[in-house]
Amino acid sequence: MELNFISGHISHNEIAALLENCSRRKVEKIIMPMEVMRHVWKNKEEIPEDLKGKSVVPDDFWLLVKGMQGLGRFWRPPGQVHNDLFTNVKTMTFERCLENTFGSQ
């Protein structure tokens, strides 16, 4: 059984812009070529040094998921989204999370 709530679709650039606005600090974006993700997919032990250990999930999986999200290709099929079944549940958007962290702008 699976239960999934989506709080919205937002790009990494939009998240960076929100973070800059809320924190009033510049966000450094690290952009990698697609070839890095493809190479790591084929050679899981060859994670770039600056990416190793950045997550509790395996490094190759983290890189793949972040790469897919960064490309805008990570979407859940409608059958895996259950927001409409529980209309009283409020999801946490990135904007609301950042406002809670840094204060409302």
N, C-alpha and C. Protein backbone atom coordinates (compact mmCIF):
# COMPACT_ATOMS: atom_id res chain seq x y z
N MET A 1 0.85 -1.18 0.00
CA MET A 1 0.00 0.00 0.00
C MET A 1 0.89 1.24 0.00
N GLU A 2 0.46 2.23 -0.68
CA GLU A 2 1.24 3.46 -0.81
C GLU A 2 0.34 4.66 -0.59
N LEU A 3 0.83 5.63 0.17
CA LEU A 3 0.11 6.88 0.40
C LEU A 3 1.08 8.01 0.13
N ASN A 4 0.74 8.89 -0.79
CA ASN A 4 1.66 9.93 -1.21
C ASN A 4 0.94 11.26 -1.35
N PHE A 5 1.49 12.29 -0.72
CA PHE A 5 0.98 13.65 -0.86
C PHE A 5 2.04 14.49 -1.57
N ILE A 6 1.61 15.27 -2.51
CA ILE A 6 2.52 16.16 -3.22
C ILE A 6 2.22 17.59 -2.80
N SER A 7 3.27 18.32 -2.44
CA SER A 7 3.09 19.69 -1.99
C SER A 7 3.24 20.69 -3.13
N GLY A 8 3.61 20.22 -4.29
CA GLY A 8 3.74 21.11 -5.44
C GLY A 8 4.89 20.69 -6.32
N HIS A 9 4.91 21.21 -7.52
CA HIS A 9 6.02 20.97 -8.44
C HIS A 9 6.80 22.26 -8.55
N ILE A 10 8.08 22.18 -8.25
CA ILE A 10 8.90 23.38 -8.24
C ILE A 10 10.30 23.00 -8.72
N SER A 11 10.88 23.86 -9.51
CA SER A 11 12.21 23.57 -10.06
C SER A 11 13.29 23.93 -9.04
N HIS A 12 14.49 23.42 -9.25
CA HIS A 12 15.61 23.77 -8.39
C HIS A 12 15.92 25.26 -8.48
N ASN A 13 15.75 25.85 -9.66
CA ASN A 13 15.97 27.30 -9.80
C ASN A 13 14.95 28.09 -9.00
N GLU A 14 13.70 27.62 -8.97
CA GLU A 14 12.67 28.30 -8.18
C GLU A 14 12.96 28.17 -6.69
N ILE A 15 13.43 26.99 -6.27
CA ILE A 15 13.79 26.80 -4.87
C ILE A 15 14.94 27.74 -4.50
N ALA A 16 15.95 27.83 -5.36
CA ALA A 16 17.08 28.72 -5.10
C ALA A 16 16.62 30.17 -4.98
N ALA A 17 15.74 30.59 -5.87
CA ALA A 17 15.23 31.97 -5.83
C ALA A 17 14.46 32.23 -4.54
N LEU A 18 13.62 31.28 -4.12
CA LEU A 18 12.89 31.43 -2.86
C LEU A 18 13.85 31.51 -1.68
N LEU A 19 14.85 30.64 -1.69
CA LEU A 19 15.82 30.63 -0.60
C LEU A 19 16.60 31.95 -0.54
N GLU A 20 17.01 32.46 -1.70
CA GLU A 20 17.70 33.76 -1.73
C GLU A 20 16.80 34.86 -1.19
N ASN A 21 15.54 34.84 -1.58
CA ASN A 21 14.60 35.87 -1.15
C ASN A 21 14.36 35.79 0.36
N CYS A 22 14.14 34.59 0.87
CA CYS A 22 13.82 34.43 2.29
C CYS A 22 15.04 34.62 3.19
N SER A 23 16.20 34.14 2.76
CA SER A 23 17.39 34.22 3.61
C SER A 23 18.19 35.49 3.37
N ARG A 24 17.90 36.17 2.26
CA ARG A 24 18.63 37.37 1.85
C ARG A 24 20.12 37.09 1.67
N ARG A 25 20.41 35.86 1.22
CA ARG A 25 21.78 35.46 0.92
C ARG A 25 21.82 34.81 -0.45
N LYS A 26 22.95 34.88 -1.10
CA LYS A 26 23.14 34.28 -2.42
C LYS A 26 23.23 32.77 -2.28
N VAL A 27 22.58 32.05 -3.18
CA VAL A 27 22.62 30.59 -3.21
C VAL A 27 23.59 30.16 -4.30
N GLU A 28 24.53 29.31 -3.91
CA GLU A 28 25.47 28.78 -4.89
C GLU A 28 24.88 27.50 -5.48
N LYS A 29 24.69 27.50 -6.79
CA LYS A 29 24.17 26.31 -7.47
C LYS A 29 25.34 25.58 -8.11
N ILE A 30 25.39 24.29 -7.90
CA ILE A 30 26.41 23.46 -8.52
C ILE A 30 25.72 22.66 -9.62
N ILE A 31 26.09 22.95 -10.84
CA ILE A 31 25.46 22.31 -12.00
C ILE A 31 26.47 21.38 -12.64
N MET A 32 26.03 20.14 -12.82
CA MET A 32 26.90 19.13 -13.41
C MET A 32 26.37 18.72 -14.77
N PRO A 33 27.26 18.33 -15.64
CA PRO A 33 26.80 17.84 -16.94
C PRO A 33 26.05 16.51 -16.78
N MET A 34 25.14 16.26 -17.68
CA MET A 34 24.38 15.00 -17.69
C MET A 34 25.31 13.80 -17.73
N GLU A 35 26.46 13.97 -18.35
CA GLU A 35 27.40 12.85 -18.50
C GLU A 35 27.84 12.30 -17.14
N VAL A 36 27.91 13.17 -16.11
CA VAL A 36 28.30 12.71 -14.78
C VAL A 36 27.26 11.72 -14.26
N MET A 37 25.97 12.07 -14.38
CA MET A 37 24.91 11.18 -13.93
C MET A 37 24.94 9.87 -14.72
N ARG A 38 25.10 9.96 -16.01
CA ARG A 38 25.15 8.75 -16.84
C ARG A 38 26.35 7.88 -16.48
N HIS A 39 27.50 8.51 -16.27
CA HIS A 39 28.72 7.77 -15.93
C HIS A 39 28.55 7.04 -14.59
N VAL A 40 28.01 7.73 -13.60
CA VAL A 40 27.83 7.12 -12.28
C VAL A 40 26.80 6.00 -12.35
N TRP A 41 25.79 6.15 -13.18
CA TRP A 41 24.79 5.09 -13.34
C TRP A 41 25.46 3.79 -13.80
N LYS A 42 26.46 3.91 -14.66
CA LYS A 42 27.15 2.73 -15.19
C LYS A 42 28.30 2.29 -14.29
N ASN A 43 28.85 3.23 -13.52
CA ASN A 43 30.03 2.96 -12.67
C ASN A 43 29.77 3.50 -11.27
N LYS A 44 28.97 2.79 -10.51
CA LYS A 44 28.48 3.27 -9.22
C LYS A 44 29.59 3.64 -8.23
N GLU A 45 30.74 3.03 -8.37
CA GLU A 45 31.84 3.31 -7.44
C GLU A 45 32.59 4.59 -7.78
N GLU A 46 32.28 5.23 -8.89
CA GLU A 46 33.02 6.41 -9.33
C GLU A 46 32.26 7.72 -9.09
N ILE A 47 31.70 7.85 -7.90
CA ILE A 47 31.03 9.09 -7.50
C ILE A 47 32.09 10.18 -7.36
N PRO A 48 31.85 11.38 -7.91
CA PRO A 48 32.81 12.47 -7.70
C PRO A 48 33.02 12.72 -6.20
N GLU A 49 34.25 12.97 -5.81
CA GLU A 49 34.63 13.14 -4.40
C GLU A 49 33.76 14.17 -3.67
N ASP A 50 33.45 15.28 -4.35
CA ASP A 50 32.69 16.34 -3.68
C ASP A 50 31.22 15.98 -3.47
N LEU A 51 30.77 14.83 -3.97
CA LEU A 51 29.39 14.39 -3.78
C LEU A 51 29.26 13.22 -2.81
N LYS A 52 30.36 12.61 -2.46
CA LYS A 52 30.32 11.43 -1.59
C LYS A 52 29.80 11.80 -0.20
N GLY A 53 28.91 10.94 0.29
CA GLY A 53 28.43 11.08 1.66
C GLY A 53 27.53 12.26 1.92
N LYS A 54 26.87 12.80 0.91
CA LYS A 54 26.02 13.98 1.08
C LYS A 54 24.61 13.62 1.54
N SER A 55 24.31 12.33 1.63
CA SER A 55 22.95 11.91 1.97
C SER A 55 23.01 10.60 2.74
N VAL A 56 21.91 10.26 3.41
CA VAL A 56 21.83 8.98 4.10
C VAL A 56 21.52 7.84 3.13
N VAL A 57 21.08 8.18 1.92
CA VAL A 57 20.83 7.17 0.89
C VAL A 57 22.12 6.94 0.11
N PRO A 58 22.24 5.82 -0.59
CA PRO A 58 23.46 5.57 -1.36
C PRO A 58 23.77 6.71 -2.34
N ASP A 59 25.05 7.01 -2.48
CA ASP A 59 25.49 8.15 -3.30
C ASP A 59 24.99 8.07 -4.73
N ASP A 60 25.05 6.89 -5.36
CA ASP A 60 24.62 6.79 -6.76
C ASP A 60 23.13 7.06 -6.89
N PHE A 61 22.33 6.61 -5.93
CA PHE A 61 20.88 6.86 -5.97
C PHE A 61 20.60 8.34 -5.77
N TRP A 62 21.30 8.97 -4.82
CA TRP A 62 21.13 10.41 -4.56
C TRP A 62 21.41 11.21 -5.82
N LEU A 63 22.51 10.88 -6.50
CA LEU A 63 22.88 11.60 -7.71
C LEU A 63 21.84 11.40 -8.81
N LEU A 64 21.33 10.18 -8.96
CA LEU A 64 20.32 9.91 -9.97
C LEU A 64 19.03 10.69 -9.69
N VAL A 65 18.56 10.64 -8.44
CA VAL A 65 17.32 11.35 -8.09
C VAL A 65 17.49 12.85 -8.27
N LYS A 66 18.59 13.41 -7.76
CA LYS A 66 18.82 14.85 -7.91
C LYS A 66 18.94 15.24 -9.37
N GLY A 67 19.59 14.38 -10.15
CA GLY A 67 19.70 14.65 -11.58
C GLY A 67 18.35 14.65 -12.27
N MET A 68 17.52 13.68 -11.94
CA MET A 68 16.18 13.61 -12.55
C MET A 68 15.33 14.80 -12.12
N GLN A 69 15.42 15.16 -10.83
CA GLN A 69 14.66 16.32 -10.36
C GLN A 69 15.16 17.59 -11.03
N GLY A 70 16.46 17.73 -11.16
CA GLY A 70 17.04 18.91 -11.78
C GLY A 70 16.64 19.06 -13.23
N LEU A 71 16.44 17.93 -13.90
CA LEU A 71 16.01 17.95 -15.29
C LEU A 71 14.51 18.17 -15.43
N GLY A 72 13.78 18.11 -14.33
CA GLY A 72 12.33 18.25 -14.38
C GLY A 72 11.63 16.99 -14.87
N ARG A 73 12.29 15.84 -14.73
CA ARG A 73 11.72 14.58 -15.22
C ARG A 73 11.16 13.70 -14.12
N PHE A 74 11.16 14.17 -12.90
CA PHE A 74 10.70 13.35 -11.78
C PHE A 74 9.26 13.75 -11.45
N TRP A 75 8.31 12.99 -11.94
CA TRP A 75 6.88 13.24 -11.71
C TRP A 75 6.24 11.94 -11.26
N ARG A 76 5.37 12.03 -10.30
CA ARG A 76 4.64 10.84 -9.86
C ARG A 76 3.40 10.68 -10.74
N PRO A 77 3.10 9.45 -11.11
CA PRO A 77 1.88 9.20 -11.89
C PRO A 77 0.65 9.58 -11.07
N PRO A 78 -0.42 10.05 -11.73
CA PRO A 78 -1.63 10.46 -11.00
C PRO A 78 -2.15 9.41 -10.02
N GLY A 79 -2.01 8.13 -10.33
CA GLY A 79 -2.48 7.09 -9.43
C GLY A 79 -1.69 6.99 -8.14
N GLN A 80 -0.53 7.64 -8.07
CA GLN A 80 0.29 7.61 -6.87
C GLN A 80 0.17 8.90 -6.05
N VAL A 81 -0.75 9.76 -6.42
CA VAL A 81 -0.95 11.02 -5.71
C VAL A 81 -2.32 10.97 -5.04
N HIS A 82 -2.35 11.21 -3.73
CA HIS A 82 -3.58 11.02 -2.97
C HIS A 82 -4.10 12.28 -2.28
N ASN A 83 -3.64 13.43 -2.72
CA ASN A 83 -4.08 14.68 -2.09
C ASN A 83 -5.60 14.82 -2.09
N ASP A 84 -6.25 14.41 -3.17
CA ASP A 84 -7.69 14.59 -3.29
C ASP A 84 -8.49 13.71 -2.34
N LEU A 85 -7.90 12.66 -1.80
CA LEU A 85 -8.61 11.77 -0.89
C LEU A 85 -8.69 12.32 0.52
N PHE A 86 -7.80 13.23 0.85
CA PHE A 86 -7.73 13.80 2.20
C PHE A 86 -7.65 15.32 2.08
N THR A 87 -8.76 15.94 1.77
CA THR A 87 -8.76 17.39 1.49
C THR A 87 -8.44 18.24 2.72
N ASN A 88 -8.53 17.67 3.92
CA ASN A 88 -8.23 18.45 5.13
C ASN A 88 -6.73 18.44 5.46
N VAL A 89 -5.92 17.67 4.72
CA VAL A 89 -4.48 17.62 4.96
C VAL A 89 -3.82 18.79 4.23
N LYS A 90 -3.05 19.58 4.98
CA LYS A 90 -2.31 20.68 4.37
C LYS A 90 -0.87 20.23 4.15
N THR A 91 -0.42 20.35 2.93
CA THR A 91 0.95 19.96 2.62
C THR A 91 1.88 21.14 2.87
N MET A 92 3.14 20.83 3.06
CA MET A 92 4.15 21.85 3.32
C MET A 92 4.85 22.19 2.00
N THR A 93 4.58 23.38 1.49
CA THR A 93 5.25 23.82 0.27
C THR A 93 6.64 24.34 0.63
N PHE A 94 7.52 24.43 -0.37
CA PHE A 94 8.84 25.00 -0.12
C PHE A 94 8.73 26.42 0.38
N GLU A 95 7.81 27.18 -0.21
CA GLU A 95 7.66 28.57 0.20
C GLU A 95 7.26 28.67 1.67
N ARG A 96 6.29 27.87 2.09
CA ARG A 96 5.84 27.90 3.49
C ARG A 96 6.96 27.43 4.42
N CYS A 97 7.70 26.41 4.01
CA CYS A 97 8.81 25.90 4.82
C CYS A 97 9.87 26.99 5.02
N LEU A 98 10.23 27.67 3.94
CA LEU A 98 11.25 28.72 4.03
C LEU A 98 10.74 29.92 4.83
N GLU A 99 9.46 30.25 4.68
CA GLU A 99 8.89 31.34 5.47
C GLU A 99 8.90 30.98 6.95
N ASN A 100 8.62 29.71 7.27
CA ASN A 100 8.67 29.27 8.68
C ASN A 100 10.09 29.36 9.22
N THR A 101 11.06 29.07 8.37
CA THR A 101 12.45 29.06 8.78
C THR A 101 13.01 30.47 8.92
N PHE A 102 12.75 31.33 7.93
CA PHE A 102 13.36 32.66 7.87
C PHE A 102 12.41 33.79 8.21
N GLY A 103 11.14 33.51 8.37
CA GLY A 103 10.15 34.55 8.60
C GLY A 103 9.49 34.96 7.31
N SER A 104 8.29 35.43 7.42
CA SER A 104 7.52 35.84 6.23
C SER A 104 8.11 37.09 5.62
N GLN A 105 8.10 37.14 4.31
CA GLN A 105 8.66 38.30 3.61
C GLN A 105 7.58 39.31 3.35
